[in-house]
């Protein structure tokens, strides 16, 4: 997760192979980082059909 005001730093983008973005309405600047993390985690769990077995 990146800063609410500026997102993930450029050096992080250079190191990763994949990125996840959250669509936003035009004119909205940012989401609260905790809310964004919850959205991404919830979607990942949905796609994986819940938490993995221990």
C-alpha atoms as a PDB file:
ATOM      1  CA  UNK A   1       0.000   0.000   0.000  1.00  0.00           C
ATOM      2  CA  UNK A   2       1.148   3.510  -0.676  1.00  0.00           C
ATOM      3  CA  UNK A   3       0.593   6.919   0.828  1.00  0.00           C
ATOM      4  CA  UNK A   4      -2.910   8.344   0.641  1.00  0.00           C
ATOM      5  CA  UNK A   5      -1.633  11.434  -1.152  1.00  0.00           C
ATOM      6  CA  UNK A   6       0.868   9.984  -3.613  1.00  0.00           C
ATOM      7  CA  UNK A   7       0.475   6.205  -3.850  1.00  0.00           C
ATOM      8  CA  UNK A   8       3.342   3.743  -3.980  1.00  0.00           C
ATOM      9  CA  UNK A   9       6.829   5.219  -4.529  1.00  0.00           C
ATOM     10  CA  UNK A  10       8.383   4.822  -8.026  1.00  0.00           C
ATOM     11  CA  UNK A  11      11.106   2.455  -6.748  1.00  0.00           C
ATOM     12  CA  UNK A  12       8.417  -0.009  -5.614  1.00  0.00           C
ATOM     13  CA  UNK A  13       6.819   0.055  -9.092  1.00  0.00           C
ATOM     14  CA  UNK A  14      10.242  -0.753 -10.593  1.00  0.00           C
ATOM     15  CA  UNK A  15      10.663  -3.841  -8.375  1.00  0.00           C
ATOM     16  CA  UNK A  16       7.276  -5.574  -8.695  1.00  0.00           C
ATOM     17  CA  UNK A  17       5.934  -7.772 -11.480  1.00  0.00           C
ATOM     18  CA  UNK A  18       2.226  -7.011 -10.928  1.00  0.00           C
ATOM     19  CA  UNK A  19       0.093  -4.166  -9.586  1.00  0.00           C
ATOM     20  CA  UNK A  20      -3.441  -3.784  -8.301  1.00  0.00           C
ATOM     21  CA  UNK A  21      -5.353  -0.574  -8.808  1.00  0.00           C
ATOM     22  CA  UNK A  22      -8.703   0.512  -7.403  1.00  0.00           C
ATOM     23  CA  UNK A  23     -11.008   2.306  -9.822  1.00  0.00           C
ATOM     24  CA  UNK A  24     -12.140   5.711  -8.592  1.00  0.00           C
ATOM     25  CA  UNK A  25     -14.573   8.328  -9.842  1.00  0.00           C
ATOM     26  CA  UNK A  26     -13.022  11.299 -11.643  1.00  0.00           C
ATOM     27  CA  UNK A  27     -12.233  14.110  -9.237  1.00  0.00           C
ATOM     28  CA  UNK A  28     -11.582  11.872  -6.239  1.00  0.00           C
ATOM     29  CA  UNK A  29      -7.994  12.185  -5.091  1.00  0.00           C
ATOM     30  CA  UNK A  30      -7.376   9.239  -2.791  1.00  0.00           C
ATOM     31  CA  UNK A  31      -8.774   6.549  -0.502  1.00  0.00           C
ATOM     32  CA  UNK A  32      -7.897   5.991   3.119  1.00  0.00           C
ATOM     33  CA  UNK A  33      -5.060   3.422   3.134  1.00  0.00           C
ATOM     34  CA  UNK A  34      -6.865   1.158   5.611  1.00  0.00           C
ATOM     35  CA  UNK A  35     -10.006   1.184   3.439  1.00  0.00           C
ATOM     36  CA  UNK A  36      -7.985   0.460   0.290  1.00  0.00           C
ATOM     37  CA  UNK A  37      -6.206  -2.444   2.021  1.00  0.00           C
ATOM     38  CA  UNK A  38      -9.545  -3.884   3.178  1.00  0.00           C
ATOM     39  CA  UNK A  39     -10.975  -3.632  -0.352  1.00  0.00           C
ATOM     40  CA  UNK A  40      -7.995  -5.403  -1.936  1.00  0.00           C
ATOM     41  CA  UNK A  41      -7.860  -8.085   0.761  1.00  0.00           C
ATOM     42  CA  UNK A  42     -11.604  -8.720   0.499  1.00  0.00           C
ATOM     43  CA  UNK A  43     -11.415  -9.080  -3.271  1.00  0.00           C
ATOM     44  CA  UNK A  44      -8.430 -11.433  -3.019  1.00  0.00           C
ATOM     45  CA  UNK A  45     -10.315 -13.615  -0.532  1.00  0.00           C
ATOM     46  CA  UNK A  46     -13.389 -13.592  -2.790  1.00  0.00           C
ATOM     47  CA  UNK A  47     -11.334 -14.733  -5.760  1.00  0.00           C
ATOM     48  CA  UNK A  48      -9.611 -17.413  -3.686  1.00  0.00           C
ATOM     49  CA  UNK A  49     -12.966 -18.530  -2.209  1.00  0.00           C
ATOM     50  CA  UNK A  50     -11.990 -17.690   1.380  1.00  0.00           C
ATOM     51  CA  UNK A  51      -8.926 -18.143   3.476  1.00  0.00           C
ATOM     52  CA  UNK A  52      -6.437 -20.888   2.590  1.00  0.00           C
ATOM     53  CA  UNK A  53      -6.302 -24.012   4.749  1.00  0.00           C
ATOM     54  CA  UNK A  54      -3.610 -23.924   7.438  1.00  0.00           C
END
